[in-house]
Amino acid sequence: MKPRRILPVAALILGASVSARAATIQILMENLEIVPAEVSAKVGDTVEWVNKDVLAHTATARNGDFDVMMPPNKTTIYVLKKAGTVDYYCRFHPNMKARLKIEP
């Protein structure tokens, strides 16, 4: 085997063992709404909640998995830790509701 062929083969073998990168999912809090109201994600993905309102909001999971505080006009991030469907809402504005479908 010629030496120049070893590098491409090694790159293919190493590349096959590298896992996919986690995604960043952006969710807006705007005009007292959560947009989008339903999102699919995977464990390890990062949710980036962007609060575009002049009021504070939370992303509070009904099952207790997370309770994220979002100051007005700020962005808050959270890394998803476990699979499942999580319904969440804003504690200050309970009419703001959404769902995360988290796959393993």
N, C-alpha and C. Protein backbone atom coordinates (compact mmCIF):
# COMPACT_ATOMS: atom_id res chain seq x y z
N MET A 1 0.85 -1.18 0.00
CA MET A 1 0.00 0.00 0.00
C MET A 1 0.89 1.24 0.00
N LYS A 2 0.56 2.19 -0.81
CA LYS A 2 1.34 3.42 -0.88
C LYS A 2 0.99 4.30 0.31
N PRO A 3 1.96 5.03 0.88
CA PRO A 3 1.71 5.86 2.06
C PRO A 3 0.60 6.88 1.87
N ARG A 4 0.44 7.43 0.68
CA ARG A 4 -0.59 8.47 0.51
C ARG A 4 -2.01 7.92 0.61
N ARG A 5 -2.18 6.62 0.51
CA ARG A 5 -3.50 6.01 0.64
C ARG A 5 -3.88 5.78 2.10
N ILE A 6 -2.93 5.72 2.96
CA ILE A 6 -3.19 5.47 4.38
C ILE A 6 -3.97 6.63 5.01
N LEU A 7 -3.60 7.84 4.71
CA LEU A 7 -4.28 9.00 5.31
C LEU A 7 -5.77 9.05 4.98
N PRO A 8 -6.18 8.91 3.71
CA PRO A 8 -7.62 8.93 3.44
C PRO A 8 -8.38 7.80 4.14
N VAL A 9 -7.77 6.59 4.20
CA VAL A 9 -8.43 5.47 4.87
C VAL A 9 -8.54 5.76 6.36
N ALA A 10 -7.48 6.28 6.97
CA ALA A 10 -7.52 6.62 8.40
C ALA A 10 -8.55 7.68 8.66
N ALA A 11 -8.66 8.66 7.78
CA ALA A 11 -9.66 9.72 7.96
C ALA A 11 -11.07 9.15 7.91
N LEU A 12 -11.32 8.20 7.02
CA LEU A 12 -12.64 7.58 6.94
C LEU A 12 -12.96 6.80 8.20
N ILE A 13 -11.98 6.05 8.71
CA ILE A 13 -12.20 5.27 9.93
C ILE A 13 -12.45 6.19 11.12
N LEU A 14 -11.64 7.21 11.28
CA LEU A 14 -11.82 8.14 12.40
C LEU A 14 -13.11 8.91 12.27
N GLY A 15 -13.46 9.32 11.07
CA GLY A 15 -14.69 10.08 10.85
C GLY A 15 -15.93 9.28 11.17
N ALA A 16 -15.86 7.97 10.97
CA ALA A 16 -17.02 7.12 11.24
C ALA A 16 -17.30 7.01 12.73
N SER A 17 -16.27 7.21 13.57
CA SER A 17 -16.48 7.07 15.00
C SER A 17 -16.90 8.37 15.69
N VAL A 18 -16.89 9.46 14.98
CA VAL A 18 -17.27 10.75 15.56
C VAL A 18 -18.79 10.85 15.60
N SER A 19 -19.34 11.19 16.75
CA SER A 19 -20.79 11.28 16.88
C SER A 19 -21.30 12.61 16.31
N ALA A 20 -22.59 12.64 16.05
CA ALA A 20 -23.21 13.86 15.52
C ALA A 20 -23.18 14.95 16.58
N ARG A 21 -23.13 16.18 16.13
CA ARG A 21 -23.10 17.31 17.06
C ARG A 21 -24.51 17.61 17.57
N ALA A 22 -24.55 18.12 18.76
CA ALA A 22 -25.83 18.52 19.33
C ALA A 22 -26.32 19.77 18.63
N ALA A 23 -27.62 19.93 18.56
CA ALA A 23 -28.23 21.08 17.91
C ALA A 23 -28.57 22.16 18.93
N THR A 24 -28.71 23.37 18.45
CA THR A 24 -29.23 24.46 19.26
C THR A 24 -30.59 24.83 18.71
N ILE A 25 -31.58 24.80 19.58
CA ILE A 25 -32.96 25.06 19.18
C ILE A 25 -33.40 26.37 19.81
N GLN A 26 -33.85 27.29 18.99
CA GLN A 26 -34.25 28.60 19.49
C GLN A 26 -35.76 28.67 19.64
N ILE A 27 -36.19 29.09 20.83
CA ILE A 27 -37.61 29.26 21.13
C ILE A 27 -37.80 30.69 21.61
N LEU A 28 -38.79 31.38 21.03
CA LEU A 28 -39.04 32.77 21.38
C LEU A 28 -40.16 32.91 22.39
N MET A 29 -39.97 33.83 23.31
CA MET A 29 -41.03 34.29 24.21
C MET A 29 -41.31 35.72 23.74
N GLU A 30 -42.45 35.88 23.08
CA GLU A 30 -42.74 37.18 22.48
C GLU A 30 -44.25 37.43 22.47
N ASN A 31 -44.65 38.62 22.87
CA ASN A 31 -46.07 38.98 22.92
C ASN A 31 -46.87 37.99 23.77
N LEU A 32 -46.25 37.57 24.88
CA LEU A 32 -46.87 36.62 25.82
C LEU A 32 -47.24 35.29 25.16
N GLU A 33 -46.40 34.86 24.20
CA GLU A 33 -46.56 33.57 23.54
C GLU A 33 -45.21 32.87 23.47
N ILE A 34 -45.26 31.53 23.40
CA ILE A 34 -44.06 30.72 23.19
C ILE A 34 -44.12 30.22 21.75
N VAL A 35 -43.07 30.55 20.97
CA VAL A 35 -43.07 30.20 19.55
C VAL A 35 -41.74 29.54 19.20
N PRO A 36 -41.76 28.32 18.65
CA PRO A 36 -42.92 27.48 18.41
C PRO A 36 -43.41 26.83 19.70
N ALA A 37 -44.67 26.48 19.71
CA ALA A 37 -45.28 25.90 20.91
C ALA A 37 -44.94 24.42 21.06
N GLU A 38 -44.47 23.78 19.99
CA GLU A 38 -44.06 22.38 20.08
C GLU A 38 -42.76 22.21 19.31
N VAL A 39 -41.79 21.57 19.98
CA VAL A 39 -40.46 21.39 19.40
C VAL A 39 -40.00 19.96 19.64
N SER A 40 -39.35 19.38 18.62
CA SER A 40 -38.70 18.08 18.76
C SER A 40 -37.21 18.31 18.91
N ALA A 41 -36.58 17.56 19.82
CA ALA A 41 -35.15 17.71 20.09
C ALA A 41 -34.60 16.38 20.53
N LYS A 42 -33.29 16.37 20.82
CA LYS A 42 -32.63 15.16 21.31
C LYS A 42 -31.88 15.49 22.59
N VAL A 43 -31.67 14.46 23.41
CA VAL A 43 -30.87 14.62 24.62
C VAL A 43 -29.51 15.18 24.20
N GLY A 44 -29.04 16.19 24.91
CA GLY A 44 -27.78 16.84 24.59
C GLY A 44 -27.93 18.10 23.78
N ASP A 45 -29.10 18.28 23.14
CA ASP A 45 -29.36 19.52 22.41
C ASP A 45 -29.48 20.68 23.40
N THR A 46 -29.21 21.87 22.92
CA THR A 46 -29.33 23.07 23.72
C THR A 46 -30.58 23.83 23.30
N VAL A 47 -31.40 24.18 24.27
CA VAL A 47 -32.55 25.05 23.99
C VAL A 47 -32.11 26.46 24.35
N GLU A 48 -32.36 27.36 23.43
CA GLU A 48 -32.03 28.76 23.62
C GLU A 48 -33.36 29.52 23.65
N TRP A 49 -33.79 29.87 24.86
CA TRP A 49 -35.03 30.64 25.00
C TRP A 49 -34.67 32.12 24.89
N VAL A 50 -35.32 32.80 23.96
CA VAL A 50 -35.07 34.23 23.74
C VAL A 50 -36.32 34.98 24.20
N ASN A 51 -36.18 35.74 25.28
CA ASN A 51 -37.30 36.52 25.82
C ASN A 51 -37.28 37.90 25.16
N LYS A 52 -38.19 38.12 24.24
CA LYS A 52 -38.28 39.40 23.54
C LYS A 52 -39.29 40.34 24.18
N ASP A 53 -39.90 39.91 25.27
CA ASP A 53 -40.87 40.74 25.98
C ASP A 53 -40.16 41.63 27.01
N VAL A 54 -40.88 42.63 27.49
CA VAL A 54 -40.35 43.52 28.53
C VAL A 54 -40.68 42.97 29.92
N LEU A 55 -41.29 41.78 29.95
CA LEU A 55 -41.65 41.09 31.20
C LEU A 55 -40.78 39.86 31.37
N ALA A 56 -40.51 39.48 32.61
CA ALA A 56 -39.79 38.23 32.89
C ALA A 56 -40.71 37.04 32.60
N HIS A 57 -40.09 35.93 32.18
CA HIS A 57 -40.82 34.68 31.94
C HIS A 57 -40.03 33.54 32.56
N THR A 58 -40.69 32.39 32.67
CA THR A 58 -40.01 31.15 33.04
C THR A 58 -40.36 30.08 32.02
N ALA A 59 -39.54 29.06 31.98
CA ALA A 59 -39.88 27.82 31.28
C ALA A 59 -39.88 26.78 32.40
N THR A 60 -41.07 26.46 32.89
CA THR A 60 -41.22 25.58 34.05
C THR A 60 -41.85 24.26 33.60
N ALA A 61 -41.10 23.19 33.71
CA ALA A 61 -41.58 21.87 33.31
C ALA A 61 -42.62 21.37 34.31
N ARG A 62 -43.71 20.88 33.81
CA ARG A 62 -44.76 20.35 34.69
C ARG A 62 -44.29 19.11 35.45
N ASN A 63 -43.32 18.37 34.89
CA ASN A 63 -42.82 17.17 35.56
C ASN A 63 -41.63 17.46 36.47
N GLY A 64 -41.23 18.73 36.59
CA GLY A 64 -40.14 19.10 37.49
C GLY A 64 -38.74 18.99 36.89
N ASP A 65 -38.62 18.66 35.60
CA ASP A 65 -37.30 18.49 34.99
C ASP A 65 -36.49 19.78 34.95
N PHE A 66 -37.13 20.91 34.78
CA PHE A 66 -36.40 22.18 34.73
C PHE A 66 -37.33 23.33 35.11
N ASP A 67 -36.72 24.41 35.55
CA ASP A 67 -37.42 25.66 35.86
C ASP A 67 -36.44 26.79 35.55
N VAL A 68 -36.53 27.30 34.34
CA VAL A 68 -35.57 28.27 33.83
C VAL A 68 -36.17 29.67 33.90
N MET A 69 -35.43 30.59 34.50
CA MET A 69 -35.86 31.99 34.61
C MET A 69 -35.30 32.78 33.44
N MET A 70 -36.14 33.62 32.84
CA MET A 70 -35.73 34.45 31.71
C MET A 70 -36.02 35.91 31.97
N PRO A 71 -34.99 36.70 32.26
CA PRO A 71 -35.20 38.14 32.44
C PRO A 71 -35.69 38.78 31.14
N PRO A 72 -36.30 39.96 31.24
CA PRO A 72 -36.77 40.65 30.03
C PRO A 72 -35.63 40.91 29.05
N ASN A 73 -35.93 40.74 27.77
CA ASN A 73 -34.99 41.03 26.69
C ASN A 73 -33.64 40.33 26.84
N LYS A 74 -33.66 39.09 27.34
CA LYS A 74 -32.44 38.31 27.51
C LYS A 74 -32.62 36.92 26.90
N THR A 75 -31.51 36.24 26.70
CA THR A 75 -31.50 34.87 26.19
C THR A 75 -30.97 33.96 27.29
N THR A 76 -31.63 32.80 27.46
CA THR A 76 -31.23 31.82 28.46
C THR A 76 -31.06 30.48 27.75
N ILE A 77 -30.01 29.73 28.12
CA ILE A 77 -29.80 28.44 27.48
C ILE A 77 -29.94 27.31 28.51
N TYR A 78 -30.33 26.15 27.99
CA TYR A 78 -30.50 24.97 28.82
C TYR A 78 -30.19 23.74 27.97
N VAL A 79 -29.38 22.83 28.48
CA VAL A 79 -29.05 21.60 27.78
C VAL A 79 -30.02 20.51 28.22
N LEU A 80 -30.65 19.86 27.25
CA LEU A 80 -31.63 18.81 27.55
C LEU A 80 -30.92 17.56 28.06
N LYS A 81 -31.40 17.05 29.20
CA LYS A 81 -30.68 15.99 29.90
C LYS A 81 -31.31 14.61 29.79
N LYS A 82 -32.62 14.52 29.52
CA LYS A 82 -33.23 13.20 29.43
C LYS A 82 -34.39 13.20 28.44
N ALA A 83 -34.65 12.01 27.93
CA ALA A 83 -35.69 11.84 26.91
C ALA A 83 -37.08 11.87 27.52
N GLY A 84 -38.06 12.20 26.69
CA GLY A 84 -39.45 12.21 27.12
C GLY A 84 -40.17 13.42 26.56
N THR A 85 -41.45 13.45 26.77
CA THR A 85 -42.25 14.60 26.37
C THR A 85 -42.46 15.46 27.60
N VAL A 86 -42.08 16.73 27.48
CA VAL A 86 -42.15 17.64 28.62
C VAL A 86 -43.05 18.82 28.26
N ASP A 87 -44.14 18.94 28.98
CA ASP A 87 -44.99 20.12 28.87
C ASP A 87 -44.45 21.16 29.83
N TYR A 88 -44.35 22.41 29.36
CA TYR A 88 -43.86 23.47 30.23
C TYR A 88 -44.68 24.73 30.02
N TYR A 89 -44.52 25.66 30.95
CA TYR A 89 -45.31 26.89 30.94
C TYR A 89 -44.53 27.99 31.64
N CYS A 90 -45.06 29.21 31.58
CA CYS A 90 -44.48 30.32 32.32
C CYS A 90 -45.24 30.46 33.64
N ARG A 91 -44.51 30.42 34.77
CA ARG A 91 -45.17 30.55 36.07
C ARG A 91 -45.86 31.90 36.24
N PHE A 92 -45.31 32.94 35.61
CA PHE A 92 -45.89 34.28 35.74
C PHE A 92 -47.08 34.49 34.81
N HIS A 93 -47.12 33.74 33.73
CA HIS A 93 -48.18 33.88 32.72
C HIS A 93 -48.61 32.46 32.30
N PRO A 94 -49.42 31.79 33.14
CA PRO A 94 -49.75 30.38 32.93
C PRO A 94 -50.43 30.05 31.60
N ASN A 95 -50.92 31.06 30.90
CA ASN A 95 -51.51 30.81 29.58
C ASN A 95 -50.43 30.55 28.53
N MET A 96 -49.16 30.85 28.85
CA MET A 96 -48.05 30.57 27.95
C MET A 96 -47.63 29.12 28.16
N LYS A 97 -47.95 28.25 27.19
CA LYS A 97 -47.70 26.82 27.32
C LYS A 97 -46.98 26.30 26.08
N ALA A 98 -46.16 25.26 26.27
CA ALA A 98 -45.46 24.66 25.15
C ALA A 98 -45.08 23.23 25.49
N ARG A 99 -44.51 22.52 24.50
CA ARG A 99 -44.13 21.12 24.69
C ARG A 99 -42.81 20.85 23.98
N LEU A 100 -41.95 20.11 24.68
CA LEU A 100 -40.69 19.62 24.12
C LEU A 100 -40.80 18.11 23.99
N LYS A 101 -40.55 17.58 22.80
CA LYS A 101 -40.48 16.14 22.59
C LYS A 101 -39.01 15.80 22.44
N ILE A 102 -38.45 15.16 23.47
CA ILE A 102 -37.02 14.91 23.53
C ILE A 102 -36.75 13.44 23.28
N GLU A 103 -36.00 13.15 22.22
CA GLU A 103 -35.63 11.78 21.86
C GLU A 103 -34.26 11.47 22.45
N PRO A 104 -34.00 10.18 22.68
CA PRO A 104 -32.67 9.80 23.22
C PRO A 104 -31.53 10.17 22.27
